[in-house]
């Protein structure tokens, strides 16, 4: 788990989280890591190497997130990450 995600998890538990903005209820910690790295501009292969998983697993998580969040494109997924503070512009 990356330090950013760990910090967000702690803050979420401390604040009690709000239902509409509680990202942790929508996606898994692994998906959040992948989303963070995607939003930072990393490719699927780079993410796979960083997380020691296959590129196919990265793609599976990416498309599963898109399904869960009702997002149609990769660009919208990155916008979602920025909007929810997973990465800043």
C-alpha atoms as a PDB file:
ATOM      1  CA  UNK A   1       0.000   0.000   0.000  1.00  0.00           C
ATOM      2  CA  UNK A   2       1.402   3.408  -0.915  1.00  0.00           C
ATOM      3  CA  UNK A   3       1.854   6.105   1.770  1.00  0.00           C
ATOM      4  CA  UNK A   4      -0.804   8.305   0.132  1.00  0.00           C
ATOM      5  CA  UNK A   5      -3.379   5.544   0.307  1.00  0.00           C
ATOM      6  CA  UNK A   6      -2.450   4.631   3.882  1.00  0.00           C
ATOM      7  CA  UNK A   7      -2.856   8.276   4.929  1.00  0.00           C
ATOM      8  CA  UNK A   8      -6.209   8.505   3.191  1.00  0.00           C
ATOM      9  CA  UNK A   9      -7.414   5.332   4.888  1.00  0.00           C
ATOM     10  CA  UNK A  10      -6.470   6.690   8.309  1.00  0.00           C
ATOM     11  CA  UNK A  11      -8.144  10.059   7.612  1.00  0.00           C
ATOM     12  CA  UNK A  12     -11.266   8.342   6.337  1.00  0.00           C
ATOM     13  CA  UNK A  13     -11.579   6.261   9.500  1.00  0.00           C
ATOM     14  CA  UNK A  14     -10.908   9.263  11.730  1.00  0.00           C
ATOM     15  CA  UNK A  15     -13.450  11.467   9.958  1.00  0.00           C
ATOM     16  CA  UNK A  16     -16.057   8.750   9.721  1.00  0.00           C
ATOM     17  CA  UNK A  17     -16.217   9.280   5.948  1.00  0.00           C
ATOM     18  CA  UNK A  18     -19.175  10.679   4.041  1.00  0.00           C
ATOM     19  CA  UNK A  19     -21.279   8.170   2.081  1.00  0.00           C
ATOM     20  CA  UNK A  20     -21.157  10.041  -1.211  1.00  0.00           C
ATOM     21  CA  UNK A  21     -17.426  10.734  -1.103  1.00  0.00           C
ATOM     22  CA  UNK A  22     -16.257   7.564   0.603  1.00  0.00           C
ATOM     23  CA  UNK A  23     -14.150   6.170  -2.200  1.00  0.00           C
ATOM     24  CA  UNK A  24     -13.133   3.183  -0.087  1.00  0.00           C
ATOM     25  CA  UNK A  25     -16.655   1.773  -0.253  1.00  0.00           C
ATOM     26  CA  UNK A  26     -16.647   1.894  -4.044  1.00  0.00           C
ATOM     27  CA  UNK A  27     -13.230   0.492  -4.913  1.00  0.00           C
ATOM     28  CA  UNK A  28     -10.699  -1.769  -3.229  1.00  0.00           C
ATOM     29  CA  UNK A  29      -7.338  -0.568  -1.875  1.00  0.00           C
ATOM     30  CA  UNK A  30      -5.578  -2.320  -4.788  1.00  0.00           C
ATOM     31  CA  UNK A  31      -7.849  -0.575  -7.278  1.00  0.00           C
ATOM     32  CA  UNK A  32      -7.107   2.718  -5.542  1.00  0.00           C
ATOM     33  CA  UNK A  33      -3.367   2.102  -5.904  1.00  0.00           C
ATOM     34  CA  UNK A  34      -3.826   1.385  -9.589  1.00  0.00           C
ATOM     35  CA  UNK A  35      -6.017   4.450 -10.022  1.00  0.00           C
ATOM     36  CA  UNK A  36      -3.405   6.618  -8.317  1.00  0.00           C
ATOM     37  CA  UNK A  37      -0.649   5.320 -10.592  1.00  0.00           C
ATOM     38  CA  UNK A  38      -2.835   5.694 -13.703  1.00  0.00           C
ATOM     39  CA  UNK A  39      -3.611   9.275 -12.721  1.00  0.00           C
ATOM     40  CA  UNK A  40       0.123   9.904 -12.313  1.00  0.00           C
ATOM     41  CA  UNK A  41       0.522   8.934 -15.979  1.00  0.00           C
ATOM     42  CA  UNK A  42       1.964   5.463 -15.552  1.00  0.00           C
ATOM     43  CA  UNK A  43       1.256   2.855 -18.217  1.00  0.00           C
ATOM     44  CA  UNK A  44      -0.305  -0.507 -17.503  1.00  0.00           C
ATOM     45  CA  UNK A  45       3.086  -2.199 -17.867  1.00  0.00           C
ATOM     46  CA  UNK A  46       4.745   0.292 -15.513  1.00  0.00           C
ATOM     47  CA  UNK A  47       2.009  -0.206 -12.918  1.00  0.00           C
ATOM     48  CA  UNK A  48       2.336  -3.973 -13.236  1.00  0.00           C
ATOM     49  CA  UNK A  49       6.061  -3.731 -12.617  1.00  0.00           C
ATOM     50  CA  UNK A  50       5.652  -1.392  -9.624  1.00  0.00           C
ATOM     51  CA  UNK A  51       2.984  -3.567  -7.987  1.00  0.00           C
ATOM     52  CA  UNK A  52       4.469  -6.933  -9.034  1.00  0.00           C
ATOM     53  CA  UNK A  53       1.327  -8.024 -10.864  1.00  0.00           C
ATOM     54  CA  UNK A  54       0.637  -8.752 -14.519  1.00  0.00           C
ATOM     55  CA  UNK A  55      -0.376  -6.060 -16.992  1.00  0.00           C
ATOM     56  CA  UNK A  56      -3.544  -8.052 -17.581  1.00  0.00           C
ATOM     57  CA  UNK A  57      -4.419  -7.792 -13.874  1.00  0.00           C
ATOM     58  CA  UNK A  58      -3.905  -4.034 -14.043  1.00  0.00           C
ATOM     59  CA  UNK A  59      -6.317  -3.834 -16.974  1.00  0.00           C
ATOM     60  CA  UNK A  60      -8.835  -6.022 -15.148  1.00  0.00           C
ATOM     61  CA  UNK A  61      -8.775  -3.691 -12.131  1.00  0.00           C
ATOM     62  CA  UNK A  62      -9.017  -0.627 -14.362  1.00  0.00           C
ATOM     63  CA  UNK A  63     -12.090  -1.861 -16.204  1.00  0.00           C
ATOM     64  CA  UNK A  64     -13.676  -3.160 -13.001  1.00  0.00           C
ATOM     65  CA  UNK A  65     -13.287   0.327 -11.477  1.00  0.00           C
ATOM     66  CA  UNK A  66     -14.824   1.858 -14.551  1.00  0.00           C
ATOM     67  CA  UNK A  67     -17.806  -0.486 -14.190  1.00  0.00           C
ATOM     68  CA  UNK A  68     -18.212   0.179 -10.469  1.00  0.00           C
ATOM     69  CA  UNK A  69     -17.977   3.949 -10.871  1.00  0.00           C
ATOM     70  CA  UNK A  70     -20.020   4.064 -14.101  1.00  0.00           C
ATOM     71  CA  UNK A  71     -17.147   5.692 -15.981  1.00  0.00           C
ATOM     72  CA  UNK A  72     -16.799   5.207 -19.726  1.00  0.00           C
ATOM     73  CA  UNK A  73     -13.251   6.337 -20.589  1.00  0.00           C
ATOM     74  CA  UNK A  74      -9.774   6.319 -19.088  1.00  0.00           C
ATOM     75  CA  UNK A  75      -9.764  10.117 -19.164  1.00  0.00           C
ATOM     76  CA  UNK A  76     -12.904  10.189 -17.005  1.00  0.00           C
ATOM     77  CA  UNK A  77     -11.213   7.771 -14.618  1.00  0.00           C
ATOM     78  CA  UNK A  78      -8.281  10.170 -14.223  1.00  0.00           C
ATOM     79  CA  UNK A  79     -10.700  13.081 -13.729  1.00  0.00           C
ATOM     80  CA  UNK A  80     -12.405  11.055 -11.010  1.00  0.00           C
ATOM     81  CA  UNK A  81      -9.032  10.538  -9.307  1.00  0.00           C
ATOM     82  CA  UNK A  82      -8.316  14.261  -9.360  1.00  0.00           C
ATOM     83  CA  UNK A  83     -11.819  15.184  -8.149  1.00  0.00           C
ATOM     84  CA  UNK A  84     -11.569  12.778  -5.209  1.00  0.00           C
ATOM     85  CA  UNK A  85      -8.079  13.847  -4.167  1.00  0.00           C
ATOM     86  CA  UNK A  86      -6.298  10.675  -5.176  1.00  0.00           C
ATOM     87  CA  UNK A  87      -3.882  12.882  -7.053  1.00  0.00           C
ATOM     88  CA  UNK A  88      -3.580  16.638  -7.306  1.00  0.00           C
ATOM     89  CA  UNK A  89      -3.159  18.574 -10.522  1.00  0.00           C
END
